[in-house]
Amino acid sequence: MRANLQGDRGLLACTALLVGFGLLMIGSSSSILALKGYGDTLYFFKRQLCWVVLGVAGLVIFAGISLDFLRRTANYFGLISLLLLIIVLIPGVGLKAHEAQRWIRLGSFSLQPSEFAKFGLIIFLAANLSRRYGVIRDLKVGVGPYYVLMAVVFMLVYAQPDFGTAIIMCSIIYLMLFLTGAKFSHLMLPFLATPLLFYFCVKGSEYRWQRILAFLDPFHDPQGGGFQIIQSFIALGSGGIYGVGLGDSAQKLFYLPEPHTDFIFSIVGEEFGIIGTIIVLLLFIYLFLRGLAISKSAPDLHSFLLASGVVVMITGQILMNLGVVTGLLPTKGTTLPFVSYGGSSLVVNLSMIGLLWNISKVAEESKYS
């Protein structure tokens, strides 16, 4: 019976369109950087294509994996996630770049452990919260242990340092507690410490403080802290309605930093104009709605929490990236899911799409059984 199930094909079609468009934009936005740095205009495109193959493999694996197996092995996923966050901080093991130690080198490629830890955290939380549903409204044995976990995860990721990812991972824990049915009064407890924590984390770091100042007034320091976001504005504004054409971006000519990663949406706006950006946004909205429909149709709490965690994570990263490139959020190095150059992010996101498709097939099976 299960072999004949088709699941949510709209989810797969939308994902394929985003990944294909991402490859097109990576090839366009990185060509000059690749030629100067590596003597090959398709250097980043070829590497991303390798990650697509690995990501599709991850999608296939998680599309066919037993959800009961994920439930039974969830503690191992949680343990591996914490170990990854610890290993990357070990001197000589973690790869340091731009004053951050967030990667592990594997041959000619590098992995970002925090990306895989996010997914492992979702698998761990979904299984454990579904088992502890009966006590989740108790502060001491219900939400208390997860607040301890939240603190540990925050400190490990913040130490890299990666304040934005630390916020995303803590938000995943918090929202999954909310979805499980934790008491409102208990959910309000983290907010008591959040303003003070945010102040010390930002004020205690010169570059974070400069990012906040640049966010508030990027034109106050157009050649310094405000340079990146101003160049993003120029890219988005110069595209007009129809764009300047594929490959004809001027901002990718060493004006806009990270045109193929964090700010690839700006190049989309420049080369494809308002129409191109609207189409991409509509694809993301459709992806969100399919994920939401799958989570609603989930046959049990465990699969509901798995689907919801995946939707929260992918949607949160989309909103954070788009918020940065449009000046609605302070600058933060977050890739645009499925579109930006970035192997770890792509492999994890495609694997999560596989899990969503898996859950849609389980929901379909339970409907007709």
Protein backbone atom coordinates (compact mmCIF):
# COMPACT_ATOMS: atom_id res chain seq x y z
CA MET A 1 0.00 0.00 0.00
CA ARG A 2 2.68 2.53 1.07
CA ALA A 3 4.68 1.98 -2.13
CA ASN A 4 1.73 3.33 -4.14
CA LEU A 5 1.35 6.48 -2.05
CA GLN A 6 2.32 9.70 -3.80
CA GLY A 7 2.34 12.14 -0.92
CA ASP A 8 2.40 15.89 -1.46
CA ARG A 9 3.78 16.24 -4.99
CA GLY A 10 3.24 20.01 -4.91
CA LEU A 11 5.82 20.24 -2.13
CA LEU A 12 8.40 18.42 -4.27
CA ALA A 13 7.62 20.42 -7.40
CA CYS A 14 7.97 23.74 -5.56
CA THR A 15 11.25 22.62 -3.96
CA ALA A 16 12.62 21.50 -7.35
CA LEU A 17 11.78 24.89 -8.87
CA LEU A 18 13.53 26.76 -6.05
CA VAL A 19 16.65 24.56 -6.21
CA GLY A 20 16.83 24.83 -10.00
CA PHE A 21 16.43 28.60 -9.87
CA GLY A 22 19.03 28.72 -7.10
CA LEU A 23 21.56 26.94 -9.31
CA LEU A 24 20.83 29.43 -12.11
CA MET A 25 21.33 32.40 -9.79
CA ILE A 26 24.48 30.98 -8.18
CA GLY A 27 25.99 30.54 -11.62
CA SER A 28 25.11 34.12 -12.52
CA SER A 29 25.91 35.91 -9.26
CA SER A 30 29.21 34.13 -8.55
CA SER A 31 30.75 34.02 -12.02
CA ILE A 32 33.04 37.04 -11.60
CA LEU A 33 34.11 36.04 -8.07
CA ALA A 34 34.78 32.50 -9.27
CA LEU A 35 36.82 33.67 -12.24
CA LYS A 36 38.98 35.95 -10.11
CA GLY A 37 39.45 33.54 -7.22
CA TYR A 38 39.58 30.17 -8.99
CA GLY A 39 39.95 30.82 -12.72
CA ASP A 40 36.63 29.12 -13.45
CA THR A 41 33.38 31.06 -13.82
CA LEU A 42 31.38 27.93 -12.90
CA TYR A 43 33.40 27.04 -9.78
CA PHE A 44 30.62 27.73 -7.25
CA PHE A 45 27.94 26.37 -9.58
CA LYS A 46 29.75 23.02 -9.88
CA ARG A 47 30.25 22.75 -6.13
CA GLN A 48 26.60 23.56 -5.46
CA LEU A 49 25.60 20.93 -8.00
CA CYS A 50 27.53 18.37 -5.92
CA TRP A 51 25.62 19.49 -2.83
CA VAL A 52 22.33 19.18 -4.73
CA VAL A 53 23.15 15.52 -5.43
CA LEU A 54 23.90 14.92 -1.73
CA GLY A 55 20.77 16.85 -0.76
CA VAL A 56 18.57 14.77 -3.05
CA ALA A 57 20.09 11.65 -1.48
CA GLY A 58 19.14 13.04 1.95
CA LEU A 59 15.64 13.80 0.66
CA VAL A 60 15.23 10.22 -0.56
CA ILE A 61 16.52 8.76 2.72
CA PHE A 62 14.19 10.81 4.92
CA ALA A 63 11.27 10.29 2.53
CA GLY A 64 11.49 6.55 3.11
CA ILE A 65 12.70 6.33 6.70
CA SER A 66 10.30 4.97 9.31
CA LEU A 67 8.89 7.67 11.59
CA ASP A 68 8.85 5.09 14.36
CA PHE A 69 12.60 4.62 13.83
CA LEU A 70 13.09 8.38 14.24
CA ARG A 71 11.06 8.24 17.44
CA ARG A 72 13.13 5.37 18.86
CA THR A 73 16.50 6.88 17.92
CA ALA A 74 15.64 10.50 18.72
CA ASN A 75 17.93 10.66 21.76
CA TYR A 76 20.88 9.72 19.56
CA PHE A 77 20.00 12.55 17.18
CA GLY A 78 19.90 14.94 20.14
CA LEU A 79 23.24 13.69 21.47
CA ILE A 80 24.91 13.92 18.06
CA SER A 81 23.58 17.48 17.67
CA LEU A 82 25.18 18.56 20.96
CA LEU A 83 28.44 16.77 20.09
CA LEU A 84 28.59 18.56 16.75
CA LEU A 85 28.17 21.92 18.48
CA ILE A 86 30.98 21.01 20.90
CA ILE A 87 33.38 19.53 18.33
CA VAL A 88 33.35 22.63 16.13
CA LEU A 89 34.65 24.68 19.09
CA ILE A 90 37.73 22.47 19.56
CA PRO A 91 40.87 24.32 18.35
CA GLY A 92 42.36 22.62 15.34
CA VAL A 93 39.11 20.84 14.52
CA GLY A 94 36.77 23.76 13.90
CA LEU A 95 37.64 25.86 10.86
CA LYS A 96 37.99 29.56 11.65
CA ALA A 97 37.06 32.22 9.09
CA HIS A 98 36.12 35.89 9.52
CA GLU A 99 36.68 35.64 13.31
CA ALA A 100 34.09 32.83 13.55
CA GLN A 101 34.65 29.12 14.17
CA ARG A 102 31.57 27.55 12.61
CA TRP A 103 32.82 24.95 10.13
CA ILE A 104 34.58 21.58 10.00
CA ARG A 105 36.85 20.86 7.04
CA LEU A 106 36.27 17.60 5.11
CA GLY A 107 38.74 17.44 2.24
CA SER A 108 38.04 20.32 -0.16
CA PHE A 109 34.59 20.88 1.37
CA SER A 110 33.49 22.28 4.71
CA LEU A 111 30.44 21.44 6.82
CA GLN A 112 28.57 23.74 9.18
CA PRO A 113 27.60 21.56 12.19
CA SER A 114 24.94 23.96 13.46
CA GLU A 115 22.86 23.32 10.31
CA PHE A 116 22.78 19.57 11.00
CA ALA A 117 22.25 20.22 14.72
CA LYS A 118 19.05 22.15 13.96
CA PHE A 119 17.57 19.14 12.19
CA GLY A 120 18.73 16.73 14.89
CA LEU A 121 17.21 19.02 17.51
CA ILE A 122 13.82 18.90 15.77
CA ILE A 123 13.89 15.08 15.64
CA PHE A 124 14.88 14.93 19.32
CA LEU A 125 12.23 17.41 20.46
CA ALA A 126 9.39 15.87 18.44
CA ALA A 127 9.91 12.43 19.99
CA ASN A 128 10.51 13.58 23.54
CA LEU A 129 7.74 16.17 23.65
CA SER A 130 5.21 13.69 22.23
CA ARG A 131 6.18 11.22 24.98
CA ARG A 132 6.00 13.88 27.71
CA TYR A 133 2.72 15.40 26.55
CA GLY A 134 1.02 14.48 29.84
CA VAL A 135 3.46 16.51 31.98
CA ILE A 136 4.22 19.40 29.62
CA ARG A 137 2.07 21.80 31.66
CA ASP A 138 4.22 21.21 34.74
CA LEU A 139 7.06 23.72 35.13
CA LYS A 140 9.59 21.51 36.89
CA VAL A 141 9.33 18.27 34.93
CA GLY A 142 7.55 19.66 31.86
CA VAL A 143 9.12 22.76 30.31
CA GLY A 144 11.97 23.12 32.83
CA PRO A 145 14.35 20.56 31.26
CA TYR A 146 13.81 22.11 27.83
CA TYR A 147 14.69 25.55 29.12
CA VAL A 148 17.96 24.05 30.40
CA LEU A 149 18.50 22.56 26.94
CA MET A 150 17.75 25.94 25.42
CA ALA A 151 20.42 27.58 27.60
CA VAL A 152 23.02 24.93 26.71
CA VAL A 153 22.31 25.19 22.97
CA PHE A 154 22.43 28.98 23.11
CA MET A 155 25.80 29.04 24.86
CA LEU A 156 27.37 26.50 22.49
CA VAL A 157 26.24 28.27 19.32
CA TYR A 158 26.89 31.75 20.72
CA ALA A 159 30.47 30.68 21.47
CA GLN A 160 31.18 30.13 17.74
CA PRO A 161 30.07 33.05 17.68
CA ASP A 162 26.75 32.82 15.83
CA PHE A 163 24.13 34.88 17.62
CA GLY A 164 21.54 34.59 14.83
CA THR A 165 21.66 30.79 14.65
CA ALA A 166 21.52 30.61 18.46
CA ILE A 167 18.30 32.64 18.33
CA ILE A 168 16.85 30.38 15.60
CA MET A 169 17.60 27.18 17.54
CA CYS A 170 16.16 28.55 20.77
CA SER A 171 13.08 29.70 18.85
CA ILE A 172 12.60 26.14 17.53
CA ILE A 173 12.62 24.78 21.09
CA TYR A 174 10.27 27.50 22.29
CA LEU A 175 7.73 27.13 19.47
CA MET A 176 7.67 23.35 19.75
CA LEU A 177 6.92 23.72 23.47
CA PHE A 178 4.09 26.06 22.54
CA LEU A 179 2.72 23.58 19.97
CA THR A 180 2.83 20.76 22.52
CA GLY A 181 0.57 22.73 24.85
CA ALA A 182 2.86 24.28 27.49
CA LYS A 183 1.15 26.75 29.85
CA PHE A 184 1.17 30.38 28.74
CA SER A 185 2.58 31.57 32.07
CA HIS A 186 5.51 29.14 31.73
CA LEU A 187 6.12 30.22 28.14
CA MET A 188 6.40 33.83 29.29
CA LEU A 189 9.39 33.08 31.55
CA PRO A 190 12.08 33.34 28.81
CA PHE A 191 10.82 36.80 27.89
CA LEU A 192 11.80 38.09 31.33
CA ALA A 193 15.47 37.43 30.58
CA THR A 194 15.44 38.12 26.82
CA PRO A 195 15.83 41.96 26.84
CA LEU A 196 18.79 41.87 29.25
CA LEU A 197 20.40 38.95 27.39
CA PHE A 198 19.97 40.70 24.05
CA TYR A 199 21.50 43.90 25.42
CA PHE A 200 24.61 42.20 26.79
CA CYS A 201 25.09 40.03 23.69
CA VAL A 202 24.85 43.00 21.33
CA LYS A 203 26.45 45.73 23.42
CA GLY A 204 29.27 43.42 24.47
CA SER A 205 30.28 42.85 20.85
CA GLU A 206 31.57 45.77 18.81
CA TYR A 207 30.65 44.30 15.40
CA ARG A 208 27.10 43.41 16.54
CA TRP A 209 26.63 46.89 17.93
CA GLN A 210 27.85 48.37 14.64
CA ARG A 211 25.35 46.19 12.78
CA ILE A 212 22.53 47.57 14.92
CA LEU A 213 23.68 51.14 14.24
CA ALA A 214 23.96 50.39 10.51
CA PHE A 215 20.47 48.89 10.58
CA LEU A 216 19.04 52.03 12.21
CA ASP A 217 20.83 54.38 9.79
CA PRO A 218 22.91 52.67 7.08
CA PHE A 219 23.67 55.99 5.37
CA HIS A 220 25.43 57.33 8.47
CA ASP A 221 28.45 55.18 7.56
CA PRO A 222 27.98 54.31 3.87
CA GLN A 223 31.54 53.02 3.40
CA GLY A 224 31.61 51.06 6.66
CA GLY A 225 28.80 49.37 8.57
CA GLY A 226 26.11 50.49 6.13
CA PHE A 227 27.95 49.50 2.94
CA GLN A 228 26.46 46.03 2.50
CA ILE A 229 22.83 46.95 3.02
CA ILE A 230 23.17 50.08 0.84
CA GLN A 231 24.57 47.95 -2.00
CA SER A 232 21.64 45.58 -1.49
CA PHE A 233 19.21 48.50 -1.81
CA ILE A 234 20.95 49.59 -5.03
CA ALA A 235 20.70 46.08 -6.47
CA LEU A 236 17.02 45.72 -5.61
CA GLY A 237 16.19 49.22 -6.83
CA SER A 238 18.10 49.10 -10.10
CA GLY A 239 16.22 46.05 -11.34
CA GLY A 240 12.99 47.94 -11.88
CA ILE A 241 9.98 45.91 -12.96
CA TYR A 242 11.60 43.47 -15.39
CA GLY A 243 15.24 43.49 -14.28
CA VAL A 244 18.46 44.14 -16.20
CA GLY A 245 18.65 40.56 -17.46
CA LEU A 246 20.25 37.31 -16.37
CA GLY A 247 24.00 37.70 -15.96
CA ASP A 248 23.93 41.51 -16.36
CA SER A 249 24.06 42.48 -12.70
CA ALA A 250 26.43 45.36 -11.94
CA GLN A 251 26.37 44.82 -8.16
CA LYS A 252 28.01 41.41 -8.43
CA LEU A 253 31.10 43.14 -9.86
CA PHE A 254 32.66 43.35 -6.35
CA TYR A 255 30.19 45.96 -5.08
CA LEU A 256 27.80 43.75 -3.12
CA PRO A 257 29.59 41.40 -0.70
CA GLU A 258 28.37 37.78 -0.66
CA PRO A 259 26.20 38.10 -3.81
CA HIS A 260 25.87 34.32 -4.18
CA THR A 261 25.17 33.51 -0.51
CA ASP A 262 23.52 35.87 1.99
CA PHE A 263 22.51 38.54 -0.55
CA ILE A 264 21.55 36.43 -3.56
CA PHE A 265 17.96 37.73 -3.35
CA SER A 266 19.30 41.22 -4.09
CA ILE A 267 20.83 39.92 -7.33
CA VAL A 268 17.49 38.25 -8.14
CA GLY A 269 15.86 41.66 -7.80
CA GLU A 270 18.49 43.31 -9.98
CA GLU A 271 18.49 40.75 -12.79
CA PHE A 272 14.79 39.77 -12.76
CA GLY A 273 13.20 42.87 -11.26
CA ILE A 274 10.06 43.08 -9.16
CA ILE A 275 8.42 40.32 -11.21
CA GLY A 276 11.27 37.91 -10.43
CA THR A 277 11.24 38.65 -6.71
CA ILE A 278 7.45 38.25 -6.55
CA ILE A 279 7.66 34.84 -8.25
CA VAL A 280 10.30 33.69 -5.75
CA LEU A 281 8.21 34.98 -2.84
CA LEU A 282 5.13 33.17 -4.18
CA LEU A 283 7.11 29.93 -4.36
CA PHE A 284 8.18 30.36 -0.73
CA ILE A 285 4.60 31.13 0.32
CA TYR A 286 3.37 28.03 -1.50
CA LEU A 287 6.10 25.95 0.18
CA PHE A 288 5.00 27.28 3.59
CA LEU A 289 1.33 26.52 2.88
CA ARG A 290 2.13 22.97 1.78
CA GLY A 291 4.18 22.45 4.94
CA LEU A 292 1.37 23.86 7.04
CA ALA A 293 -1.17 21.57 5.36
CA ILE A 294 1.07 18.55 5.98
CA SER A 295 1.49 19.39 9.66
CA LYS A 296 -2.28 19.81 10.04
CA SER A 297 -2.95 16.43 8.40
CA ALA A 298 -0.34 14.61 10.53
CA PRO A 299 -1.98 11.55 12.13
CA ASP A 300 -0.33 11.85 15.57
CA LEU A 301 1.45 14.32 17.83
CA HIS A 302 4.93 13.02 16.96
CA SER A 303 4.58 13.53 13.21
CA PHE A 304 2.75 16.83 13.82
CA LEU A 305 5.70 18.15 15.84
CA LEU A 306 8.21 16.87 13.27
CA ALA A 307 6.39 18.64 10.43
CA SER A 308 5.84 21.81 12.47
CA GLY A 309 9.48 21.96 13.52
CA VAL A 310 10.62 21.66 9.91
CA VAL A 311 8.18 24.36 8.76
CA VAL A 312 9.27 26.70 11.57
CA MET A 313 12.95 26.23 10.79
CA ILE A 314 12.75 26.70 7.02
CA THR A 315 10.29 29.60 7.24
CA GLY A 316 12.33 31.30 9.96
CA GLN A 317 15.47 31.22 7.83
CA ILE A 318 13.58 32.56 4.80
CA LEU A 319 12.14 35.46 6.80
CA MET A 320 15.50 36.26 8.41
CA ASN A 321 17.32 36.35 5.08
CA LEU A 322 14.67 38.43 3.33
CA GLY A 323 14.48 40.74 6.34
CA VAL A 324 18.23 41.40 6.13
CA VAL A 325 18.47 42.04 2.37
CA THR A 326 15.49 44.43 2.48
CA GLY A 327 16.75 46.32 5.55
CA LEU A 328 13.98 45.14 7.86
CA LEU A 329 16.45 43.29 10.11
CA PRO A 330 20.09 43.91 11.09
CA THR A 331 22.69 42.21 8.90
CA LYS A 332 23.13 38.53 9.77
CA GLY A 333 24.83 35.80 7.77
CA THR A 334 21.83 33.60 6.95
CA THR A 335 21.47 31.91 3.57
CA LEU A 336 18.22 31.88 1.61
CA PRO A 337 16.98 28.26 1.74
CA PHE A 338 17.27 26.31 -1.56
CA VAL A 339 18.51 29.38 -3.45
CA SER A 340 21.77 30.57 -1.83
CA TYR A 341 25.14 28.89 -2.21
CA GLY A 342 25.79 26.76 0.86
CA GLY A 343 26.19 23.00 1.05
CA SER A 344 25.28 22.22 4.65
CA SER A 345 22.15 24.33 4.50
CA LEU A 346 21.02 22.80 1.19
CA VAL A 347 21.58 19.19 2.27
CA VAL A 348 19.72 19.72 5.55
CA ASN A 349 16.83 21.63 3.97
CA LEU A 350 16.35 19.01 1.24
CA SER A 351 16.47 16.26 3.87
CA MET A 352 13.75 18.08 5.80
CA ILE A 353 11.63 18.34 2.66
CA GLY A 354 12.03 14.56 2.36
CA LEU A 355 10.76 14.18 5.92
CA LEU A 356 7.78 16.43 5.18
CA TRP A 357 6.96 14.34 2.11
CA ASN A 358 7.28 11.22 4.26
CA ILE A 359 4.76 12.62 6.76
CA SER A 360 2.38 13.52 3.94
CA LYS A 361 2.51 9.89 2.77
CA VAL A 362 1.89 8.64 6.32
CA ALA A 363 -1.11 10.99 6.57
CA GLU A 364 -2.39 9.71 3.23
CA GLU A 365 -1.96 6.11 4.36
CA SER A 366 -3.81 6.68 7.66
CA LYS A 367 -6.62 8.38 5.77
CA TYR A 368 -7.33 5.34 3.62
CA SER A 369 -6.44 2.59 6.11
